[in-house]
Amino acid sequence: MTVQRSYDAVIVGGGHNGLVAAAYLARAGRSVLVLERLPDTGGAAVSTRPFPGVDARLSRYSYLVSLLPRKIVRDLGLRFAVARRTVSSYTPAERRGRATGLLVGGAGTRESFAALTGSDAEYAAWQRFYAMTGRVAERVFPTLTEPLPAREELRARVADDDAWRTLFEEPVGVAIEEHFDDDLVRGVVLTDALIGTFADAHDPSLVQNRCFLYHVIGGGTGEWNVPVGGMGALTGALADAARSAGADLRTGHEAVRIRTDGRAAEVAFRTSDAEGTVAARHVLVGASPHALAALLGDPAPPPVEGAQLKVNMLLKRLPRLKDRGVDPRDAFAGTFHVSEGYTRLATAYREAATGRLPSAPPSEIYCHSLSDPSILGPDLAARGFQTLTLFGLHTPARLFTSGNDAARAALLAATVAELDAHLDEPLADCLATDADGRPCIEARTPLDLERDLRLPGGHIFHGDLAWPYATDATGRWGVETAHANVLLCGAGAVRGGGVSGIPGHNAAMAVLGR
């Protein structure tokens, strides 16, 4: 099939942000073409059956939803839902020679804090700290789909000098150490500053603060939910919305060049057997800033580095825990923290910064099928199978450059060993097998993500997250580039990162002159 020669907007990349932009623009009556290199749309927000012969649809890359505004779901009429997790988190520990843990969420949270720490002090500090972040979330999250506020305007909306200092001005480690005494509790709080971000709690760049901020403001509550039907349900609904509004979605079409004079643009593309060009009034790029620069022939931005291990698993059953005081279905219902005490996180960072695999790799685990059994085929669900997603921290791309396969295997083995230390049976005994008899487990390093999805350096946010306020370089919506009719609508835009659709929405608003 051939494409028409001219469109109001050509969108490079059919990930979730590109699809959001396409749907908004098409619904506004603009002619829209989406060029996606891969065989399917969705980018990193997809559901797949990774294990041959096994009917389980896993959110293969991105996996939880918090930052997606309900406004986008309503505006586009998406048939998409999320499921709340019944537990916020569980963190196993050993205290006074016995297995125990911290279970957060539900009626027993206070008792769990007291049993772990010996008093109510940490629970009270927890309540105060997250009441503060909750107030900030209520005030900041609505601004993400508005033109960028000035820094002082955002500070006025926060209207809390202590909260502003804690989140925007001082390393988050300062606040964590001021509020909490227990090492395990401190670590649980810090983890939200480290998802996809390689930094120490006291990094003077405050990159960890920016990561923390986006994790605690999502949805105006900071609550992270499971996408019903898997992440592909969202991008499937977005693709349907864009098509039904008239957008032309072309997979297997790779954009290779953008030329623009600021008023009119031309996008060159190629398929498996042909090449072509298409004219556009606006070009929106859902790929990374590095890909944007390459398409335009502009100088490349500074290199960036991803720092995570992503592991997908299917289990025959949830493993038994050494901590007999908690049901595995509760422990795995939220975020299961492994080796994420405050001191251990600092040690893992120092080791990785010097080029060594962390001796005790920190990670967190999610069992999506407890919240959303629909991702399992009926037979698997009836037999008690469960999915597990593991996200490893402090594993920068530099650790894999001298031998990705060997380093991946070593890191996976060490990560599983850290989990096994808290289990009453080895994880390997619980793994399901695929049609060929192989264990249902797969791992992706930053180098794998760079190869498969073209994430620069394997960075899941396309680069360090930015403060959600205007600077001299941001433009009105945070999606503008040096070229007036070329916009960045991917995760590398200001207020990008995560599964949010916010850059796609904001780029569409910029095109429409809102």
Protein backbone atom coordinates (compact mmCIF):
# COMPACT_ATOMS: atom_id res chain seq x y z
CA MET A 1 0.00 0.00 0.00
CA THR A 2 1.19 3.51 -0.77
CA VAL A 3 0.78 6.55 1.46
CA GLN A 4 -0.67 9.83 0.25
CA ARG A 5 1.86 12.52 -0.51
CA SER A 6 0.98 15.11 2.14
CA TYR A 7 -0.44 15.24 5.68
CA ASP A 8 -1.08 17.88 8.27
CA ALA A 9 1.03 15.86 10.71
CA VAL A 10 3.45 12.97 10.34
CA ILE A 11 4.23 11.18 13.58
CA VAL A 12 7.47 9.23 13.78
CA GLY A 13 7.03 6.28 16.11
CA GLY A 14 3.87 4.40 17.05
CA GLY A 15 4.57 4.05 20.76
CA HIS A 16 1.90 5.10 23.22
CA ASN A 17 2.82 8.78 23.08
CA GLY A 18 2.77 8.87 19.29
CA LEU A 19 -0.63 7.17 19.31
CA VAL A 20 -1.99 9.69 21.83
CA ALA A 21 -0.85 12.56 19.61
CA ALA A 22 -2.30 10.89 16.53
CA ALA A 23 -5.68 10.38 18.18
CA TYR A 24 -5.93 13.96 19.41
CA LEU A 25 -4.91 15.47 16.08
CA ALA A 26 -7.14 13.21 14.00
CA ARG A 27 -10.10 13.95 16.27
CA ALA A 28 -9.42 17.65 15.67
CA GLY A 29 -9.81 17.07 11.93
CA ARG A 30 -6.13 16.98 10.98
CA SER A 31 -4.80 14.44 8.50
CA VAL A 32 -2.31 12.25 10.33
CA LEU A 33 0.21 9.59 9.30
CA VAL A 34 2.03 7.43 11.88
CA LEU A 35 5.25 5.74 10.75
CA GLU A 36 6.27 2.82 12.98
CA ARG A 37 9.46 0.86 12.32
CA LEU A 38 8.37 -2.34 14.10
CA PRO A 39 5.71 -4.81 12.87
CA ASP A 40 3.26 -3.56 15.52
CA THR A 41 2.48 -0.31 17.28
CA GLY A 42 2.95 0.08 21.03
CA GLY A 43 6.71 0.54 21.43
CA ALA A 44 7.70 -0.43 24.98
CA ALA A 45 4.06 -0.55 26.11
CA VAL A 46 3.09 -3.94 24.66
CA SER A 47 1.77 -7.31 25.77
CA THR A 48 3.34 -10.46 24.35
CA ARG A 49 3.35 -14.21 24.84
CA PRO A 50 7.12 -14.58 25.27
CA PHE A 51 7.15 -18.26 26.14
CA PRO A 52 6.40 -20.69 23.27
CA GLY A 53 3.19 -22.63 23.68
CA VAL A 54 2.19 -20.83 26.88
CA ASP A 55 -1.02 -18.78 27.00
CA ALA A 56 0.18 -15.91 29.22
CA ARG A 57 0.27 -12.29 27.99
CA LEU A 58 2.97 -10.36 29.80
CA SER A 59 3.63 -6.62 29.80
CA ARG A 60 7.06 -7.32 28.37
CA TYR A 61 8.76 -3.98 28.97
CA SER A 62 6.77 -1.23 30.75
CA TYR A 63 4.51 -2.75 33.36
CA LEU A 64 2.62 -0.35 35.70
CA VAL A 65 0.45 2.74 35.19
CA SER A 66 0.41 5.85 37.37
CA LEU A 67 1.17 8.88 35.24
CA LEU A 68 -1.57 8.38 32.62
CA PRO A 69 -4.09 11.18 33.28
CA ARG A 70 -7.75 10.20 33.34
CA LYS A 71 -8.23 13.28 31.16
CA ILE A 72 -6.55 11.48 28.24
CA VAL A 73 -8.64 8.35 28.77
CA ARG A 74 -11.82 10.45 28.80
CA ASP A 75 -10.87 12.77 25.93
CA LEU A 76 -10.08 9.87 23.61
CA GLY A 77 -12.91 7.62 24.77
CA LEU A 78 -10.52 4.79 25.57
CA ARG A 79 -11.87 1.44 26.68
CA PHE A 80 -9.06 0.90 29.15
CA ALA A 81 -9.01 0.21 32.87
CA VAL A 82 -6.49 -0.30 35.63
CA ALA A 83 -6.71 -2.56 38.68
CA ARG A 84 -5.69 -1.37 42.13
CA ARG A 85 -3.22 -3.55 43.95
CA THR A 86 -4.50 -4.79 47.29
CA VAL A 87 -1.10 -4.25 48.96
CA SER A 88 1.37 -1.42 48.41
CA SER A 89 4.55 -3.33 49.20
CA TYR A 90 6.20 -6.12 51.14
CA THR A 91 9.86 -6.10 52.12
CA PRO A 92 11.32 -9.27 53.65
CA ALA A 93 13.90 -8.94 56.41
CA GLU A 94 15.62 -10.83 59.17
CA ARG A 95 15.38 -9.38 62.65
CA ARG A 96 16.63 -10.96 65.88
CA GLY A 97 17.45 -14.18 64.05
CA ARG A 98 14.05 -14.77 62.48
CA ALA A 99 12.43 -14.08 59.13
CA THR A 100 10.00 -11.18 59.15
CA GLY A 101 9.06 -8.32 56.86
CA LEU A 102 7.29 -5.01 56.37
CA LEU A 103 3.83 -5.20 54.80
CA VAL A 104 2.51 -1.78 53.72
CA GLY A 105 -1.13 -1.33 52.74
CA GLY A 106 -4.30 -2.41 54.47
CA ALA A 107 -5.42 -2.57 58.06
CA GLY A 108 -2.27 -4.25 59.40
CA THR A 109 0.26 -1.65 58.25
CA ARG A 110 0.75 -0.02 61.67
CA GLU A 111 1.22 -3.41 63.31
CA SER A 112 3.72 -4.45 60.64
CA PHE A 113 5.82 -1.32 61.24
CA ALA A 114 5.73 -1.89 64.99
CA ALA A 115 6.68 -5.56 64.69
CA LEU A 116 9.63 -4.72 62.44
CA THR A 117 10.95 -1.62 64.22
CA GLY A 118 9.77 -2.07 67.80
CA SER A 119 7.66 1.09 68.05
CA ASP A 120 5.10 3.25 66.26
CA ALA A 121 7.64 5.99 65.47
CA GLU A 122 8.48 4.87 61.92
CA TYR A 123 4.82 4.40 61.05
CA ALA A 124 4.02 7.90 62.27
CA ALA A 125 6.94 9.28 60.23
CA TRP A 126 5.71 7.34 57.20
CA GLN A 127 2.25 8.86 57.55
CA ARG A 128 3.63 12.40 57.84
CA PHE A 129 6.04 12.02 54.92
CA TYR A 130 3.51 10.59 52.50
CA ALA A 131 0.84 13.05 53.57
CA MET A 132 3.30 15.71 52.41
CA THR A 133 3.97 14.02 49.05
CA GLY A 134 0.23 13.48 48.64
CA ARG A 135 -0.44 17.20 48.96
CA VAL A 136 2.25 17.91 46.39
CA ALA A 137 0.77 15.30 44.04
CA GLU A 138 -2.69 16.89 44.21
CA ARG A 139 -1.24 20.26 43.24
CA VAL A 140 1.41 19.29 40.69
CA PHE A 141 -0.14 16.45 38.70
CA PRO A 142 -2.88 18.57 37.07
CA THR A 143 -0.20 20.88 35.65
CA LEU A 144 1.31 18.10 33.53
CA THR A 145 -1.33 18.53 30.82
CA GLU A 146 -1.21 22.32 30.94
CA PRO A 147 1.37 24.70 29.44
CA LEU A 148 4.54 24.56 31.53
CA PRO A 149 4.34 26.75 34.62
CA ALA A 150 7.26 28.93 35.60
CA ARG A 151 9.31 27.60 38.51
CA GLU A 152 7.97 30.17 40.95
CA GLU A 153 4.43 29.60 39.70
CA LEU A 154 4.76 25.89 40.43
CA ARG A 155 6.27 26.65 43.82
CA ALA A 156 3.28 28.85 44.59
CA ARG A 157 0.93 26.02 43.63
CA VAL A 158 2.78 23.63 45.94
CA ALA A 159 2.34 26.28 48.67
CA ASP A 160 4.56 24.41 51.14
CA ASP A 161 8.13 25.64 51.63
CA ASP A 162 9.23 22.49 53.48
CA ALA A 163 7.84 20.22 50.77
CA TRP A 164 9.45 22.33 48.04
CA ARG A 165 12.81 22.17 49.79
CA THR A 166 12.48 18.42 50.36
CA LEU A 167 11.56 17.51 46.80
CA PHE A 168 12.99 20.28 44.62
CA GLU A 169 16.05 21.72 46.35
CA GLU A 170 17.85 19.21 48.59
CA PRO A 171 18.95 15.64 47.76
CA VAL A 172 16.11 13.33 48.72
CA GLY A 173 18.51 11.40 50.92
CA VAL A 174 18.52 14.35 53.32
CA ALA A 175 14.77 14.13 53.86
CA ILE A 176 14.79 10.33 54.11
CA GLU A 177 17.44 10.44 56.82
CA GLU A 178 15.64 13.25 58.65
CA HIS A 179 12.27 11.48 58.66
CA PHE A 180 13.20 7.81 59.15
CA ASP A 181 15.60 5.87 61.37
CA ASP A 182 15.15 2.27 60.24
CA ASP A 183 17.49 1.23 57.40
CA LEU A 184 14.89 -0.98 55.73
CA VAL A 185 12.20 1.69 55.85
CA ARG A 186 14.62 4.26 54.46
CA GLY A 187 15.41 1.92 51.56
CA VAL A 188 11.77 1.32 50.69
CA VAL A 189 11.23 5.09 50.46
CA LEU A 190 14.38 5.62 48.38
CA THR A 191 13.47 3.05 45.72
CA ASP A 192 11.02 5.43 44.04
CA ALA A 193 13.99 7.72 43.34
CA LEU A 194 15.93 4.98 41.56
CA ILE A 195 13.55 3.36 39.07
CA GLY A 196 15.37 3.66 35.75
CA THR A 197 17.73 6.18 37.36
CA PHE A 198 21.34 5.48 38.32
CA ALA A 199 22.10 7.77 41.24
CA ASP A 200 22.99 7.94 44.91
CA ALA A 201 20.51 9.26 47.47
CA HIS A 202 22.71 12.38 47.87
CA ASP A 203 23.56 12.99 44.20
CA PRO A 204 24.03 16.78 43.87
CA SER A 205 22.44 16.76 40.40
CA LEU A 206 19.07 15.91 42.05
CA VAL A 207 18.30 13.47 39.23
CA GLN A 208 17.07 11.13 41.95
CA ASN A 209 14.70 13.83 43.21
CA ARG A 210 13.20 14.25 39.75
CA CYS A 211 12.63 10.50 39.51
CA PHE A 212 11.13 10.45 42.99
CA LEU A 213 8.81 13.35 42.20
CA TYR A 214 7.32 11.66 39.12
CA HIS A 215 6.80 8.46 41.09
CA VAL A 216 4.91 10.09 43.96
CA ILE A 217 2.67 12.48 41.98
CA GLY A 218 1.14 10.02 39.51
CA GLY A 219 -2.62 10.33 39.18
CA GLY A 220 -2.58 12.98 41.89
CA THR A 221 -2.13 10.21 44.46
CA GLY A 222 1.15 8.44 43.67
CA GLU A 223 -0.69 5.14 43.39
CA TRP A 224 0.69 2.66 40.83
CA ASN A 225 -1.84 0.35 39.18
CA VAL A 226 -1.92 -2.74 36.97
CA PRO A 227 -3.16 -2.29 33.37
CA VAL A 228 -6.10 -4.66 32.90
CA GLY A 229 -5.35 -6.93 29.95
CA GLY A 230 -1.66 -6.00 30.08
CA MET A 231 0.06 -2.91 28.78
CA GLY A 232 -0.91 -3.85 25.23
CA ALA A 233 -4.54 -3.20 26.16
CA LEU A 234 -3.69 0.48 26.48
CA THR A 235 -1.79 0.80 23.21
CA GLY A 236 -4.39 -1.32 21.45
CA ALA A 237 -7.10 1.07 22.63
CA LEU A 238 -5.00 4.06 21.56
CA ALA A 239 -4.41 2.59 18.09
CA ASP A 240 -8.15 1.96 17.74
CA ALA A 241 -8.90 5.53 18.82
CA ALA A 242 -6.43 6.97 16.32
CA ARG A 243 -7.68 4.83 13.44
CA SER A 244 -11.33 5.47 14.18
CA ALA A 245 -10.62 9.21 14.10
CA GLY A 246 -9.03 8.85 10.68
CA ALA A 247 -5.30 8.54 11.38
CA ASP A 248 -3.27 6.40 8.97
CA LEU A 249 -1.08 3.96 10.97
CA ARG A 250 1.70 2.27 9.00
CA THR A 251 3.85 -0.40 10.64
CA GLY A 252 7.05 -1.67 9.06
CA HIS A 253 7.70 1.91 7.92
CA GLU A 254 10.95 3.34 9.28
CA ALA A 255 11.52 7.09 9.13
CA VAL A 256 15.07 7.77 8.01
CA ARG A 257 15.27 11.54 7.47
CA ILE A 258 13.44 14.77 8.27
CA ARG A 259 13.94 17.97 6.29
CA THR A 260 12.28 21.20 7.35
CA ASP A 261 12.45 24.94 6.84
CA GLY A 262 10.31 25.58 9.92
CA ARG A 263 7.07 25.89 7.90
CA ALA A 264 6.94 22.77 5.74
CA ALA A 265 8.67 19.43 6.25
CA GLU A 266 9.45 16.25 4.35
CA VAL A 267 9.88 12.85 5.98
CA ALA A 268 11.71 10.08 4.14
CA PHE A 269 10.90 6.48 5.09
CA ARG A 270 11.68 2.96 4.01
CA THR A 271 9.96 -0.39 4.19
CA SER A 272 11.30 -3.89 3.59
CA ASP A 273 11.03 -3.41 -0.16
CA ALA A 274 10.59 0.28 -0.93
CA GLU A 275 11.48 3.86 -0.05
CA GLY A 276 9.34 6.98 -0.10
CA THR A 277 8.82 10.52 1.11
CA VAL A 278 5.84 12.35 2.49
CA ALA A 279 5.22 16.06 3.09
CA ALA A 280 3.87 17.46 6.36
CA ARG A 281 3.02 20.77 7.97
CA HIS A 282 4.17 19.35 11.33
CA VAL A 283 6.35 16.42 12.30
CA LEU A 284 6.03 14.89 15.78
CA VAL A 285 8.78 12.52 16.86
CA GLY A 286 7.91 9.89 19.45
CA ALA A 287 11.43 8.50 19.40
CA SER A 288 14.30 9.64 21.62
CA PRO A 289 16.08 13.01 21.41
CA HIS A 290 19.04 11.08 19.99
CA ALA A 291 16.90 9.62 17.20
CA LEU A 292 15.42 13.07 16.54
CA ALA A 293 18.88 14.57 16.12
CA ALA A 294 19.90 11.77 13.75
CA LEU A 295 16.76 12.23 11.63
CA LEU A 296 17.39 15.98 11.35
CA GLY A 297 21.15 15.72 10.88
CA ASP A 298 21.63 17.80 14.03
CA PRO A 299 24.44 17.27 16.57
CA ALA A 300 23.71 14.37 18.90
CA PRO A 301 22.79 15.12 22.53
CA PRO A 302 25.17 13.85 25.22
CA PRO A 303 25.03 10.06 25.65
CA VAL A 304 22.72 8.60 28.29
CA GLU A 305 22.84 5.31 30.17
CA GLY A 306 20.06 3.01 31.28
CA ALA A 307 20.50 1.17 34.55
CA GLN A 308 17.98 -1.61 34.99
CA LEU A 309 17.42 -5.32 34.52
CA LYS A 310 13.93 -6.41 33.42
CA VAL A 311 12.95 -10.05 34.05
CA ASN A 312 9.67 -11.72 33.08
CA MET A 313 8.61 -15.05 34.57
CA LEU A 314 5.70 -17.45 34.68
CA LEU A 315 5.31 -19.62 37.79
CA LYS A 316 3.34 -22.79 38.45
CA ARG A 317 2.65 -21.35 41.89
CA LEU A 318 3.84 -18.57 44.13
CA PRO A 319 6.81 -19.65 46.27
CA ARG A 320 6.51 -20.20 49.99
CA LEU A 321 8.17 -17.55 52.17
CA LYS A 322 10.45 -17.95 55.16
CA ASP A 323 8.32 -15.28 56.82
CA ARG A 324 5.35 -17.44 57.81
CA GLY A 325 3.50 -14.40 59.12
CA VAL A 326 2.50 -13.26 55.63
CA ASP A 327 0.57 -15.03 52.88
CA PRO A 328 2.55 -15.13 49.59
CA ARG A 329 -0.56 -13.77 47.83
CA ASP A 330 -0.29 -10.67 50.02
CA ALA A 331 3.49 -10.42 49.80
CA PHE A 332 3.51 -10.51 46.00
CA ALA A 333 0.29 -8.50 45.49
CA GLY A 334 2.16 -5.19 45.67
CA THR A 335 5.84 -4.40 45.21
CA PHE A 336 8.07 -7.12 46.69
CA HIS A 337 11.37 -5.42 47.61
CA VAL A 338 14.56 -7.50 47.58
CA SER A 339 17.91 -6.25 48.93
CA GLU A 340 16.61 -2.68 48.95
CA GLY A 341 17.63 -1.55 52.40
CA TYR A 342 19.15 1.94 52.44
CA THR A 343 22.71 0.75 53.10
CA ARG A 344 22.49 -2.03 50.54
CA LEU A 345 21.25 0.38 47.88
CA ALA A 346 24.20 2.67 48.57
CA THR A 347 26.63 -0.25 48.37
CA ALA A 348 25.13 -1.50 45.11
CA TYR A 349 25.42 1.98 43.62
CA ARG A 350 29.09 2.31 44.61
CA GLU A 351 29.92 -1.13 43.22
CA ALA A 352 28.15 -0.50 39.91
CA ALA A 353 29.68 2.98 39.58
CA THR A 354 33.12 1.36 39.60
CA GLY A 355 32.12 -1.15 36.92
CA ARG A 356 31.29 -4.15 39.11
CA LEU A 357 28.06 -6.11 39.25
CA PRO A 358 26.43 -5.41 42.63
CA SER A 359 27.28 -8.14 45.12
CA ALA A 360 23.66 -8.07 46.37
CA PRO A 361 21.64 -6.82 43.39
CA PRO A 362 18.58 -4.82 44.51
CA SER A 363 15.29 -5.53 42.77
CA GLU A 364 11.55 -5.33 43.11
CA ILE A 365 8.96 -7.81 41.96
CA TYR A 366 5.34 -7.55 40.85
CA CYS A 367 2.72 -10.26 40.38
CA HIS A 368 0.29 -8.70 37.91
CA SER A 369 -1.87 -11.81 37.61
CA LEU A 370 -2.99 -11.44 41.24
CA SER A 371 -4.59 -8.11 40.31
CA ASP A 372 -5.54 -9.05 36.75
CA PRO A 373 -6.02 -12.80 36.11
CA SER A 374 -7.22 -12.02 32.57
CA ILE A 375 -3.63 -12.04 31.32
CA LEU A 376 -3.56 -15.81 31.93
CA GLY A 377 -5.32 -18.33 29.74
CA PRO A 378 -8.25 -20.10 31.48
CA ASP A 379 -6.31 -23.33 31.97
CA LEU A 380 -3.31 -21.57 33.54
CA ALA A 381 -5.54 -19.50 35.82
CA ALA A 382 -7.45 -22.58 36.96
CA ARG A 383 -4.17 -24.36 37.80
CA GLY A 384 -2.91 -21.46 39.94
CA PHE A 385 -0.17 -20.16 37.62
CA GLN A 386 1.10 -16.62 38.24
CA THR A 387 3.24 -14.11 36.38
CA LEU A 388 6.18 -12.30 37.98
CA THR A 389 7.90 -9.17 36.73
CA LEU A 390 11.25 -8.26 38.27
CA PHE A 391 12.88 -4.86 37.90
CA GLY A 392 16.52 -4.68 38.96
CA LEU A 393 18.17 -1.44 40.07
CA HIS A 394 21.74 -0.15 39.81
CA THR A 395 22.70 -2.21 36.76
CA PRO A 396 24.02 0.44 34.33
CA ALA A 397 24.75 -0.36 30.70
CA ARG A 398 28.49 -0.10 31.34
CA LEU A 399 28.36 -3.43 33.21
CA PHE A 400 27.38 -5.28 30.04
CA THR A 401 29.54 -3.73 27.33
CA SER A 402 32.35 -6.29 27.58
CA GLY A 403 30.00 -9.27 27.29
CA ASN A 404 26.27 -8.79 27.46
CA ASP A 405 25.27 -12.46 27.52
CA ALA A 406 27.70 -13.47 30.26
CA ALA A 407 26.95 -10.42 32.40
CA ARG A 408 23.21 -10.92 31.98
CA ALA A 409 23.46 -14.54 33.11
CA ALA A 410 25.64 -13.64 36.09
CA LEU A 411 23.37 -10.81 37.17
CA LEU A 412 20.22 -12.89 36.79
CA ALA A 413 21.71 -15.69 38.89
CA ALA A 414 22.79 -13.24 41.62
CA THR A 415 19.40 -11.50 41.60
CA VAL A 416 17.50 -14.78 41.92
CA ALA A 417 19.84 -15.83 44.75
CA GLU A 418 18.94 -12.65 46.65
CA LEU A 419 15.26 -13.52 46.29
CA ASP A 420 15.85 -17.16 47.21
CA ALA A 421 17.36 -16.03 50.52
CA HIS A 422 13.84 -15.03 51.59
CA LEU A 423 12.00 -18.04 50.16
CA ASP A 424 11.28 -21.40 51.75
CA GLU A 425 11.83 -23.09 48.39
CA PRO A 426 14.00 -22.14 45.40
CA LEU A 427 12.34 -19.98 42.79
CA ALA A 428 13.52 -22.46 40.15
CA ASP A 429 11.19 -25.10 41.61
CA CYS A 430 8.21 -22.84 40.95
CA LEU A 431 9.01 -21.81 37.37
CA ALA A 432 6.69 -23.09 34.66
CA THR A 433 8.16 -24.56 31.49
CA ASP A 434 7.36 -23.72 27.89
CA ALA A 435 6.39 -26.07 25.05
CA ASP A 436 10.06 -26.99 24.60
CA GLY A 437 10.60 -27.77 28.29
CA ARG A 438 12.57 -24.62 29.04
CA PRO A 439 11.98 -22.55 32.21
CA CYS A 440 9.66 -19.59 31.60
CA ILE A 441 12.08 -16.80 32.45
CA GLU A 442 13.60 -14.08 30.26
CA ALA A 443 15.85 -11.14 31.12
CA ARG A 444 16.60 -7.86 29.37
CA THR A 445 19.62 -5.64 30.08
CA PRO A 446 19.99 -2.00 28.98
CA LEU A 447 21.89 -3.21 25.91
CA ASP A 448 19.02 -5.54 25.03
CA LEU A 449 16.54 -2.65 25.32
CA GLU A 450 18.75 -0.48 23.15
CA ARG A 451 18.88 -3.21 20.49
CA ASP A 452 15.19 -4.17 20.60
CA LEU A 453 13.54 -0.78 21.12
CA ARG A 454 16.30 1.71 20.27
CA LEU A 455 16.18 3.21 23.74
CA PRO A 456 19.39 5.28 23.88
CA GLY A 457 21.82 3.48 26.16
CA GLY A 458 18.87 1.32 27.22
CA HIS A 459 17.47 4.29 29.18
CA ILE A 460 13.75 3.68 29.80
CA PHE A 461 13.06 7.44 30.01
CA HIS A 462 15.19 8.29 26.94
CA GLY A 463 17.34 10.34 29.34
CA ASP A 464 17.22 11.93 32.77
CA LEU A 465 13.80 13.21 33.80
CA ALA A 466 13.28 16.99 33.82
CA TRP A 467 11.64 19.23 36.38
CA PRO A 468 8.00 19.90 35.42
CA TYR A 469 8.46 23.64 35.05
CA ALA A 470 9.60 26.01 32.32
CA THR A 471 13.18 27.08 31.69
CA ASP A 472 14.74 29.17 28.94
CA ALA A 473 15.12 26.00 26.85
CA THR A 474 11.73 24.35 27.26
CA GLY A 475 9.22 26.23 25.15
CA ARG A 476 5.53 26.58 26.06
CA TRP A 477 4.65 22.88 26.29
CA GLY A 478 8.06 21.24 26.80
CA VAL A 479 7.90 19.49 23.40
CA GLU A 480 9.36 22.22 21.21
CA THR A 481 12.64 21.85 19.29
CA ALA A 482 14.91 24.25 17.42
CA HIS A 483 12.66 23.73 14.38
CA ALA A 484 9.28 25.47 14.64
CA ASN A 485 7.25 22.67 13.03
CA VAL A 486 9.10 19.69 14.52
CA LEU A 487 8.06 18.56 18.00
CA LEU A 488 9.34 15.90 20.37
CA CYS A 489 6.42 13.80 21.66
CA GLY A 490 8.34 10.89 23.23
CA ALA A 491 9.58 10.16 26.73
CA GLY A 492 12.51 12.56 26.29
CA ALA A 493 10.21 15.58 26.25
CA VAL A 494 9.82 17.69 29.39
CA ARG A 495 7.32 15.85 31.60
CA GLY A 496 8.06 12.64 29.71
CA GLY A 497 9.01 9.22 31.04
CA GLY A 498 6.79 6.39 32.14
CA VAL A 499 3.53 5.31 30.54
CA SER A 500 1.69 8.63 30.59
CA GLY A 501 0.71 9.85 27.14
CA ILE A 502 1.54 13.33 28.47
CA PRO A 503 4.16 14.23 25.81
CA GLY A 504 1.76 13.02 23.10
CA HIS A 505 -1.06 15.12 24.52
CA ASN A 506 1.16 18.18 24.92
CA ALA A 507 2.63 17.93 21.43
CA ALA A 508 -0.88 17.72 19.98
CA MET A 509 -1.91 20.77 21.98
CA ALA A 510 1.13 22.66 20.65
CA VAL A 511 0.15 21.81 17.07
CA LEU A 512 -3.44 22.88 17.69
CA GLY A 513 -2.31 26.15 19.24
CA ARG A 514 -3.95 25.48 22.58
